[in-house]
C-alpha atoms as a PDB file:
ATOM      1  CA  MET A   1      96.091  73.402  52.937  1.00  0.00           C
ATOM      2  CA  ARG A   2      95.637  76.775  54.436  1.00  0.00           C
ATOM      3  CA  ARG A   3      97.640  75.809  57.475  1.00  0.00           C
ATOM      4  CA  TRP A   4     100.498  74.531  55.173  1.00  0.00           C
ATOM      5  CA  LEU A   5     100.560  77.699  53.085  1.00  0.00           C
ATOM      6  CA  THR A   6     100.809  79.880  56.387  1.00  0.00           C
ATOM      7  CA  THR A   7     103.699  77.786  57.634  1.00  0.00           C
ATOM      8  CA  PHE A   8     105.267  77.908  54.126  1.00  0.00           C
ATOM      9  CA  ALA A   9     105.027  81.614  53.786  1.00  0.00           C
ATOM     10  CA  ALA A  10     107.004  82.189  57.064  1.00  0.00           C
ATOM     11  CA  VAL A  11     109.889  79.813  55.801  1.00  0.00           C
ATOM     12  CA  LEU A  12     109.860  81.460  52.408  1.00  0.00           C
ATOM     13  CA  PHE A  13     110.554  84.874  54.014  1.00  0.00           C
ATOM     14  CA  CYS A  14     113.438  83.273  55.687  1.00  0.00           C
ATOM     15  CA  SER A  15     114.801  81.513  52.670  1.00  0.00           C
ATOM     16  CA  ALA A  16     114.217  83.975  49.714  1.00  0.00           C
ATOM     17  CA  ALA A  17     117.195  85.101  47.708  1.00  0.00           C
ATOM     18  CA  LEU A  18     118.690  87.977  46.117  1.00  0.00           C
ATOM     19  CA  ARG A  19     118.298  91.597  45.411  1.00  0.00           C
ATOM     20  CA  ALA A  20     119.237  92.438  41.829  1.00  0.00           C
ATOM     21  CA  ASP A  21     117.999  90.786  38.609  1.00  0.00           C
ATOM     22  CA  VAL A  22     118.975  87.258  38.964  1.00  0.00           C
ATOM     23  CA  THR A  23     117.684  83.899  37.422  1.00  0.00           C
ATOM     24  CA  ILE A  24     118.992  80.651  39.358  1.00  0.00           C
ATOM     25  CA  VAL A  25     117.969  77.289  37.867  1.00  0.00           C
ATOM     26  CA  GLN A  26     118.395  74.239  40.201  1.00  0.00           C
ATOM     27  CA  THR A  27     117.915  70.672  39.969  1.00  0.00           C
ATOM     28  CA  THR A  28     117.224  68.277  42.746  1.00  0.00           C
ATOM     29  CA  THR A  29     117.783  64.466  43.046  1.00  0.00           C
ATOM     30  CA  VAL A  30     115.797  62.655  45.751  1.00  0.00           C
ATOM     31  CA  GLU A  31     116.917  58.969  46.481  1.00  0.00           C
ATOM     32  CA  GLY A  32     115.822  56.409  49.023  1.00  0.00           C
ATOM     33  CA  GLY A  33     113.184  56.787  51.857  1.00  0.00           C
ATOM     34  CA  MET A  34     110.473  59.284  50.803  1.00  0.00           C
ATOM     35  CA  ALA A  35     111.600  58.994  47.314  1.00  0.00           C
ATOM     36  CA  GLN A  36     109.662  55.659  46.798  1.00  0.00           C
ATOM     37  CA  MET A  37     106.390  57.093  48.318  1.00  0.00           C
ATOM     38  CA  ALA A  38     106.833  60.205  45.885  1.00  0.00           C
ATOM     39  CA  ALA A  39     107.321  58.118  42.974  1.00  0.00           C
ATOM     40  CA  GLN A  40     103.966  56.243  43.701  1.00  0.00           C
ATOM     41  CA  SER A  41     102.188  59.490  43.518  1.00  0.00           C
ATOM     42  CA  GLY A  42     103.646  60.503  40.320  1.00  0.00           C
ATOM     43  CA  ALA A  43     106.001  63.101  41.378  1.00  0.00           C
ATOM     44  CA  SER A  44     109.373  63.562  39.563  1.00  0.00           C
ATOM     45  CA  MET A  45     112.425  62.483  41.590  1.00  0.00           C
ATOM     46  CA  THR A  46     114.522  65.240  39.753  1.00  0.00           C
ATOM     47  CA  PRO A  47     112.437  68.266  40.236  1.00  0.00           C
ATOM     48  CA  LYS A  48     113.713  71.732  38.744  1.00  0.00           C
ATOM     49  CA  ILE A  49     113.532  74.928  40.619  1.00  0.00           C
ATOM     50  CA  THR A  50     113.674  78.193  38.748  1.00  0.00           C
ATOM     51  CA  MET A  51     114.150  81.430  40.783  1.00  0.00           C
ATOM     52  CA  ARG A  52     113.725  84.842  39.439  1.00  0.00           C
ATOM     53  CA  VAL A  53     114.708  87.766  41.610  1.00  0.00           C
ATOM     54  CA  LYS A  54     114.155  91.424  41.010  1.00  0.00           C
ATOM     55  CA  GLY A  55     114.953  93.774  43.812  1.00  0.00           C
ATOM     56  CA  MET A  56     113.372  92.409  46.919  1.00  0.00           C
ATOM     57  CA  LYS A  57     110.874  90.171  45.198  1.00  0.00           C
ATOM     58  CA  MET A  58     111.314  86.443  43.995  1.00  0.00           C
ATOM     59  CA  ARG A  59     109.463  84.324  41.689  1.00  0.00           C
ATOM     60  CA  SER A  60     109.934  80.498  42.181  1.00  0.00           C
ATOM     61  CA  GLU A  61     108.801  77.878  39.964  1.00  0.00           C
ATOM     62  CA  VAL A  62     108.810  74.348  40.820  1.00  0.00           C
ATOM     63  CA  GLU A  63     108.297  71.581  38.165  1.00  0.00           C
ATOM     64  CA  ALA A  64     108.148  68.037  39.492  1.00  0.00           C
ATOM     65  CA  GLY A  65     106.300  65.786  36.952  1.00  0.00           C
ATOM     66  CA  PRO A  66     102.610  66.496  37.123  1.00  0.00           C
ATOM     67  CA  VAL A  67     103.247  68.692  40.174  1.00  0.00           C
ATOM     68  CA  SER A  68     104.197  72.327  39.428  1.00  0.00           C
ATOM     69  CA  MET A  69     103.836  75.373  41.804  1.00  0.00           C
ATOM     70  CA  VAL A  70     104.710  79.099  41.318  1.00  0.00           C
ATOM     71  CA  THR A  71     105.467  81.180  44.353  1.00  0.00           C
ATOM     72  CA  ILE A  72     105.993  84.917  44.393  1.00  0.00           C
ATOM     73  CA  VAL A  73     107.705  86.398  47.476  1.00  0.00           C
ATOM     74  CA  ASP A  74     107.299  90.019  48.061  1.00  0.00           C
ATOM     75  CA  VAL A  75     109.366  91.304  50.926  1.00  0.00           C
ATOM     76  CA  PRO A  76     108.614  95.017  51.073  1.00  0.00           C
ATOM     77  CA  GLY A  77     104.799  94.004  50.558  1.00  0.00           C
ATOM     78  CA  LYS A  78     105.295  91.457  53.302  1.00  0.00           C
ATOM     79  CA  GLN A  79     103.437  88.774  51.537  1.00  0.00           C
ATOM     80  CA  VAL A  80     103.728  85.470  49.857  1.00  0.00           C
ATOM     81  CA  ILE A  81     101.644  84.596  46.765  1.00  0.00           C
ATOM     82  CA  VAL A  82     101.038  80.993  45.609  1.00  0.00           C
ATOM     83  CA  LEU A  83      99.951  80.771  41.852  1.00  0.00           C
ATOM     84  CA  ARG A  84      97.774  77.820  40.710  1.00  0.00           C
ATOM     85  CA  ALA A  85      97.262  77.873  36.962  1.00  0.00           C
ATOM     86  CA  ASP A  86      94.919  74.759  36.793  1.00  0.00           C
ATOM     87  CA  GLN A  87      92.509  76.818  39.153  1.00  0.00           C
ATOM     88  CA  LYS A  88      93.470  80.465  38.120  1.00  0.00           C
ATOM     89  CA  THR A  89      93.838  81.274  41.710  1.00  0.00           C
ATOM     90  CA  ALA A  90      96.208  83.354  43.794  1.00  0.00           C
ATOM     91  CA  THR A  91      96.411  82.668  47.324  1.00  0.00           C
ATOM     92  CA  ILE A  92      98.054  85.610  49.326  1.00  0.00           C
ATOM     93  CA  VAL A  93      99.642  85.031  52.680  1.00  0.00           C
ATOM     94  CA  SER A  94     100.468  88.234  54.387  1.00  0.00           C
ATOM     95  CA  SER A  95     102.500  89.078  57.380  1.00  0.00           C
ATOM     96  CA  LYS A  96     100.468  91.994  58.010  1.00  0.00           C
ATOM     97  CA  PRO A  97      98.034  92.084  61.003  1.00  0.00           C
ATOM     98  CA  PRO A  98      95.104  89.630  60.030  1.00  0.00           C
ATOM     99  CA  ALA A  99      91.598  90.779  59.170  1.00  0.00           C
ATOM    100  CA  SER A 100      89.295  90.472  62.481  1.00  0.00           C
ATOM    101  CA  THR A 101      86.235  89.320  60.071  1.00  0.00           C
ATOM    102  CA  THR A 102      85.711  87.014  56.983  1.00  0.00           C
ATOM    103  CA  THR A 103      84.512  88.681  53.697  1.00  0.00           C
ATOM    104  CA  THR A 104      83.746  87.095  50.598  1.00  0.00           C
ATOM    105  CA  THR A 105      83.164  88.812  47.008  1.00  0.00           C
ATOM    106  CA  THR A 106      83.300  87.524  43.577  1.00  0.00           C
ATOM    107  CA  THR A 107      87.147  87.688  43.218  1.00  0.00           C
ATOM    108  CA  THR A 108      88.441  87.951  46.907  1.00  0.00           C
ATOM    109  CA  THR A 109      88.286  85.813  50.049  1.00  0.00           C
ATOM    110  CA  THR A 110      89.636  86.908  53.331  1.00  0.00           C
ATOM    111  CA  THR A 111      90.263  84.479  56.196  1.00  0.00           C
ATOM    112  CA  THR A 112      92.046  84.556  59.624  1.00  0.00           C
ATOM    113  CA  PRO A 113      94.646  81.951  59.909  1.00  0.00           C
ATOM    114  CA  PRO A 114      94.542  79.448  62.891  1.00  0.00           C
ATOM    115  CA  SER A 115      97.304  79.327  65.399  1.00  0.00           C
ATOM    116  CA  VAL A 116     100.020  76.951  64.301  1.00  0.00           C
ATOM    117  CA  THR A 117     103.094  75.613  65.986  1.00  0.00           C
ATOM    118  CA  PRO A 118     105.479  73.904  63.599  1.00  0.00           C
ATOM    119  CA  PRO A 119     108.211  71.579  64.975  1.00  0.00           C
ATOM    120  CA  GLY A 120     110.762  72.835  67.387  1.00  0.00           C
ATOM    121  CA  VAL A 121     114.148  72.916  65.327  1.00  0.00           C
ATOM    122  CA  ASP A 122     117.719  72.938  66.534  1.00  0.00           C
ATOM    123  CA  ALA A 123     120.415  73.522  64.260  1.00  0.00           C
ATOM    124  CA  THR A 124     124.091  74.258  63.727  1.00  0.00           C
ATOM    125  CA  VAL A 125     126.005  75.276  60.873  1.00  0.00           C
ATOM    126  CA  LYS A 126     129.776  75.252  60.678  1.00  0.00           C
ATOM    127  CA  ALA A 127     132.419  76.068  58.132  1.00  0.00           C
ATOM    128  CA  THR A 128     134.812  73.357  57.433  1.00  0.00           C
ATOM    129  CA  GLY A 129     137.881  75.029  55.895  1.00  0.00           C
ATOM    130  CA  ARG A 130     137.614  72.781  52.770  1.00  0.00           C
ATOM    131  CA  SER A 131     137.058  74.109  49.420  1.00  0.00           C
ATOM    132  CA  GLN A 132     136.585  72.846  45.836  1.00  0.00           C
ATOM    133  CA  VAL A 133     136.019  74.258  42.398  1.00  0.00           C
ATOM    134  CA  ILE A 134     132.366  73.244  40.888  1.00  0.00           C
ATOM    135  CA  ASP A 135     131.751  74.435  37.189  1.00  0.00           C
ATOM    136  CA  GLY A 136     134.693  76.603  37.528  1.00  0.00           C
ATOM    137  CA  ILE A 137     133.356  78.340  40.514  1.00  0.00           C
ATOM    138  CA  LYS A 138     135.403  78.154  43.894  1.00  0.00           C
ATOM    139  CA  CYS A 139     133.177  76.929  46.744  1.00  0.00           C
ATOM    140  CA  ASP A 140     133.640  76.427  50.364  1.00  0.00           C
ATOM    141  CA  GLU A 141     132.195  73.806  52.627  1.00  0.00           C
ATOM    142  CA  TYR A 142     129.767  74.031  55.405  1.00  0.00           C
ATOM    143  CA  ILE A 143     128.285  71.344  57.548  1.00  0.00           C
ATOM    144  CA  ILE A 144     124.739  71.447  58.734  1.00  0.00           C
ATOM    145  CA  ASN A 145     123.187  69.297  61.389  1.00  0.00           C
ATOM    146  CA  ALA A 146     119.387  69.924  62.173  1.00  0.00           C
ATOM    147  CA  THR A 147     116.810  68.150  64.207  1.00  0.00           C
ATOM    148  CA  ALA A 148     113.050  68.846  64.248  1.00  0.00           C
ATOM    149  CA  ASP A 149     111.082  67.645  67.240  1.00  0.00           C
ATOM    150  CA  MET A 150     107.779  66.568  65.570  1.00  0.00           C
ATOM    151  CA  SER A 151     106.041  65.900  69.043  1.00  0.00           C
ATOM    152  CA  SER A 152     106.138  69.863  69.732  1.00  0.00           C
ATOM    153  CA  MET A 153     104.128  70.359  66.460  1.00  0.00           C
ATOM    154  CA  ARG A 154     100.603  71.604  67.026  1.00  0.00           C
ATOM    155  CA  ASN A 155      97.626  73.423  65.374  1.00  0.00           C
ATOM    156  CA  ALA A 156      94.113  74.227  66.492  1.00  0.00           C
ATOM    157  CA  GLN A 157      92.636  71.256  64.263  1.00  0.00           C
ATOM    158  CA  MET A 158      94.931  68.488  65.145  1.00  0.00           C
ATOM    159  CA  PRO A 159      93.025  65.724  66.587  1.00  0.00           C
ATOM    160  CA  PRO A 160      94.731  64.444  69.936  1.00  0.00           C
ATOM    161  CA  GLU A 161      95.279  60.943  68.358  1.00  0.00           C
ATOM    162  CA  ALA A 162      97.401  62.436  65.722  1.00  0.00           C
ATOM    163  CA  ALA A 163      99.384  64.320  68.094  1.00  0.00           C
ATOM    164  CA  ALA A 164      99.883  61.274  70.194  1.00  0.00           C
ATOM    165  CA  MET A 165     101.204  59.232  67.226  1.00  0.00           C
ATOM    166  CA  MET A 166     104.001  61.717  66.842  1.00  0.00           C
ATOM    167  CA  GLN A 167     105.182  61.755  70.584  1.00  0.00           C
ATOM    168  CA  GLY A 168     108.892  61.047  70.673  1.00  0.00           C
ATOM    169  CA  MET A 169     109.345  61.453  66.851  1.00  0.00           C
ATOM    170  CA  LYS A 170     112.390  63.672  65.581  1.00  0.00           C
ATOM    171  CA  VAL A 171     113.434  64.246  61.795  1.00  0.00           C
ATOM    172  CA  LYS A 172     117.263  64.443  61.587  1.00  0.00           C
ATOM    173  CA  MET A 173     118.875  66.475  58.701  1.00  0.00           C
ATOM    174  CA  ASN A 174     122.942  66.243  58.025  1.00  0.00           C
ATOM    175  CA  GLY A 175     124.937  67.204  55.451  1.00  0.00           C
ATOM    176  CA  SER A 176     126.849  69.614  53.693  1.00  0.00           C
ATOM    177  CA  ILE A 177     126.441  73.030  51.639  1.00  0.00           C
ATOM    178  CA  TRP A 178     129.130  74.014  49.172  1.00  0.00           C
ATOM    179  CA  VAL A 179     128.918  77.790  49.029  1.00  0.00           C
ATOM    180  CA  ALA A 180     130.105  80.182  46.125  1.00  0.00           C
ATOM    181  CA  LYS A 181     131.133  83.707  47.136  1.00  0.00           C
ATOM    182  CA  ASP A 182     132.155  84.870  43.544  1.00  0.00           C
ATOM    183  CA  ALA A 183     128.970  83.628  41.672  1.00  0.00           C
ATOM    184  CA  PRO A 184     126.994  86.002  39.875  1.00  0.00           C
ATOM    185  CA  GLY A 185     124.353  87.420  42.352  1.00  0.00           C
ATOM    186  CA  ALA A 186     126.250  86.084  45.459  1.00  0.00           C
ATOM    187  CA  ALA A 187     126.631  89.610  46.961  1.00  0.00           C
ATOM    188  CA  GLU A 188     122.966  90.362  46.451  1.00  0.00           C
ATOM    189  CA  TYR A 189     122.208  87.072  47.959  1.00  0.00           C
ATOM    190  CA  MET A 190     124.181  87.616  51.144  1.00  0.00           C
ATOM    191  CA  ALA A 191     122.824  91.084  51.592  1.00  0.00           C
ATOM    192  CA  PHE A 192     119.149  89.955  51.307  1.00  0.00           C
ATOM    193  CA  GLN A 193     119.440  86.930  53.532  1.00  0.00           C
ATOM    194  CA  LYS A 194     120.351  89.528  56.371  1.00  0.00           C
ATOM    195  CA  ALA A 195     117.291  91.423  55.592  1.00  0.00           C
ATOM    196  CA  ALA A 196     115.070  88.455  55.108  1.00  0.00           C
ATOM    197  CA  ALA A 197     115.937  86.906  58.434  1.00  0.00           C
ATOM    198  CA  ALA A 198     114.440  89.785  60.352  1.00  0.00           C
ATOM    199  CA  GLU A 199     111.301  90.014  58.274  1.00  0.00           C
ATOM    200  CA  GLN A 200     110.786  86.049  58.643  1.00  0.00           C
ATOM    201  CA  LEU A 201     110.435  86.535  62.559  1.00  0.00           C
ATOM    202  CA  ALA A 202     108.268  89.561  62.247  1.00  0.00           C
ATOM    203  CA  ALA A 203     106.083  87.594  59.621  1.00  0.00           C
ATOM    204  CA  SER A 204     105.525  84.468  61.707  1.00  0.00           C
ATOM    205  CA  SER A 205     104.521  86.568  64.625  1.00  0.00           C
ATOM    206  CA  ALA A 206     102.005  88.482  62.563  1.00  0.00           C
ATOM    207  CA  MET A 207     100.552  85.404  61.302  1.00  0.00           C
ATOM    208  CA  GLY A 208     100.071  83.996  64.709  1.00  0.00           C
ATOM    209  CA  ILE A 209     102.842  81.029  64.202  1.00  0.00           C
ATOM    210  CA  ASN A 210     104.853  80.356  67.144  1.00  0.00           C
ATOM    211  CA  MET A 211     108.017  78.826  65.717  1.00  0.00           C
ATOM    212  CA  PRO A 212     110.205  77.268  68.377  1.00  0.00           C
ATOM    213  CA  GLY A 213     113.838  77.234  67.428  1.00  0.00           C
ATOM    214  CA  MET A 214     113.246  78.813  64.095  1.00  0.00           C
ATOM    215  CA  ASP A 215     115.323  81.794  65.307  1.00  0.00           C
ATOM    216  CA  ASN A 216     118.266  79.438  66.005  1.00  0.00           C
ATOM    217  CA  LEU A 217     117.871  77.928  62.413  1.00  0.00           C
ATOM    218  CA  THR A 218     117.768  81.526  60.989  1.00  0.00           C
ATOM    219  CA  LYS A 219     120.946  82.479  62.801  1.00  0.00           C
ATOM    220  CA  ALA A 220     122.704  79.282  61.781  1.00  0.00           C
ATOM    221  CA  MET A 221     121.942  79.758  58.223  1.00  0.00           C
ATOM    222  CA  GLY A 222     122.909  83.208  58.528  1.00  0.00           C
ATOM    223  CA  GLY A 223     126.532  82.144  59.308  1.00  0.00           C
ATOM    224  CA  ILE A 224     126.843  81.044  55.579  1.00  0.00           C
ATOM    225  CA  SER A 225     128.797  83.704  53.505  1.00  0.00           C
ATOM    226  CA  GLY A 226     127.771  83.136  49.896  1.00  0.00           C
ATOM    227  CA  MET A 227     125.289  81.302  47.552  1.00  0.00           C
ATOM    228  CA  PRO A 228     124.443  77.712  48.180  1.00  0.00           C
ATOM    229  CA  TYR A 229     125.759  76.098  44.931  1.00  0.00           C
ATOM    230  CA  LEU A 230     125.643  72.397  45.937  1.00  0.00           C
ATOM    231  CA  THR A 231     123.682  70.813  48.786  1.00  0.00           C
ATOM    232  CA  GLU A 232     123.843  67.021  49.877  1.00  0.00           C
ATOM    233  CA  MET A 233     121.446  66.355  52.832  1.00  0.00           C
ATOM    234  CA  GLU A 234     120.265  63.072  54.246  1.00  0.00           C
ATOM    235  CA  THR A 235     117.168  62.924  56.458  1.00  0.00           C
ATOM    236  CA  SER A 236     116.316  60.251  58.845  1.00  0.00           C
ATOM    237  CA  ILE A 237     113.861  59.580  61.583  1.00  0.00           C
ATOM    238  CA  GLU A 238     114.395  58.837  65.224  1.00  0.00           C
ATOM    239  CA  GLY A 239     111.867  57.878  68.061  1.00  0.00           C
ATOM    240  CA  THR A 240     109.938  54.942  69.322  1.00  0.00           C
ATOM    241  CA  GLY A 241     106.300  56.452  68.871  1.00  0.00           C
ATOM    242  CA  GLN A 242     104.029  54.884  66.402  1.00  0.00           C
ATOM    243  CA  MET A 243     104.569  57.117  63.890  1.00  0.00           C
ATOM    244  CA  ALA A 244     108.368  57.240  64.029  1.00  0.00           C
ATOM    245  CA  GLU A 245     108.230  53.399  63.760  1.00  0.00           C
ATOM    246  CA  MET A 246     106.237  53.485  60.568  1.00  0.00           C
ATOM    247  CA  MET A 247     108.382  56.222  59.177  1.00  0.00           C
ATOM    248  CA  LYS A 248     111.606  54.555  59.850  1.00  0.00           C
ATOM    249  CA  GLN A 249     110.841  51.744  57.773  1.00  0.00           C
ATOM    250  CA  MET A 250     111.275  53.979  54.685  1.00  0.00           C
ATOM    251  CA  GLY A 251     114.900  54.460  55.536  1.00  0.00           C
ATOM    252  CA  VAL A 252     117.259  57.411  54.813  1.00  0.00           C
ATOM    253  CA  THR A 253     116.381  60.004  52.251  1.00  0.00           C
ATOM    254  CA  LYS A 254     119.274  61.712  50.443  1.00  0.00           C
ATOM    255  CA  VAL A 255     118.415  65.015  48.675  1.00  0.00           C
ATOM    256  CA  THR A 256     120.951  66.618  46.247  1.00  0.00           C
ATOM    257  CA  THR A 257     120.441  70.247  44.939  1.00  0.00           C
ATOM    258  CA  LYS A 258     122.717  71.821  42.471  1.00  0.00           C
ATOM    259  CA  VAL A 259     123.004  75.157  40.489  1.00  0.00           C
ATOM    260  CA  SER A 260     122.724  74.305  36.985  1.00  0.00           C
ATOM    261  CA  SER A 261     122.779  77.901  35.648  1.00  0.00           C
ATOM    262  CA  ILE A 262     122.927  81.610  36.586  1.00  0.00           C
ATOM    263  CA  ASN A 263     122.313  84.666  34.715  1.00  0.00           C
ATOM    264  CA  ALA A 264     121.728  88.328  35.480  1.00  0.00           C
ATOM    265  CA  ASP A 265     119.465  89.501  32.563  1.00  0.00           C
ATOM    266  CA  PRO A 266     116.756  91.969  33.203  1.00  0.00           C
ATOM    267  CA  LEU A 267     113.607  90.708  34.230  1.00  0.00           C
ATOM    268  CA  SER A 268     110.102  91.989  33.643  1.00  0.00           C
ATOM    269  CA  ASP A 269     107.987  93.440  36.427  1.00  0.00           C
ATOM    270  CA  ASP A 270     105.059  91.198  34.998  1.00  0.00           C
ATOM    271  CA  LEU A 271     106.542  88.289  36.321  1.00  0.00           C
ATOM    272  CA  PHE A 272     106.119  89.384  39.902  1.00  0.00           C
ATOM    273  CA  LYS A 273     102.297  90.312  39.612  1.00  0.00           C
ATOM    274  CA  ILE A 274      99.217  88.178  39.890  1.00  0.00           C
ATOM    275  CA  PRO A 275      98.055  87.407  36.193  1.00  0.00           C
ATOM    276  CA  GLU A 276      94.915  88.881  34.846  1.00  0.00           C
ATOM    277  CA  GLY A 277      91.713  86.695  35.522  1.00  0.00           C
ATOM    278  CA  TYR A 278      92.872  85.147  38.588  1.00  0.00           C
ATOM    279  CA  THR A 279      90.772  84.952  41.872  1.00  0.00           C
ATOM    280  CA  THR A 280      92.582  86.096  44.895  1.00  0.00           C
ATOM    281  CA  ILE A 281      92.468  84.286  48.195  1.00  0.00           C
ATOM    282  CA  LYS A 282      93.674  86.418  51.201  1.00  0.00           C
ATOM    283  CA  GLN A 283      94.904  84.642  54.218  1.00  0.00           C
END
């Protein structure tokens, strides 16, 4: 769980959005492949994501059936906070230099994250020159092609047999992103992406995460000019290893994410703070 949160934090620093007070609601539909596996666990195949942004802070709420998560991204504070209401805990992942010791109090736990090497990523993003009007907003199309080499993924606690199973396995993602330049908050979105890209690299380094190819993905996504309004992606598995053969049986997974509403109403500062009574866990 801690290793996942550390990796997740670095990704969030890269993908966080907007600078002004903006609320964006997205709906996602998952079909085929992994959708069947997720359905068996009770997760919703149409999760709802609400992003509330004030200045350089973002609160993201994901609702997927019985599964829910609240994440606060604080770029000036160089940290990501994951809130769990069921446990009343706030896990803080910081890009600041980690503590050299482990301390525990009644409300705070500090740990030093282990070294993690996520999959190597190769990605390209290109504008097609095509456009369409969605919900009255003009959107331009970008094509994205990305490949994640799972055999390069490592962490200090991964058993050798698990690493061996992923040899030769690659995850391919291909699809289109329809981008709105004139949507409310689009200008703030583009400005923030440029600032967040530099912070993401610094965050991953400070947290001891080696992210091969992530700079390539960051630069590729930086070529998108506007706010992603409609994203349609297909994910498939390639390779001949044991894990690849097993995963390929699930087939292609299609994920469609669309903005359902945007507004620029003022947001309370309290939305971006840890609620009272929560136990903090620092990593």
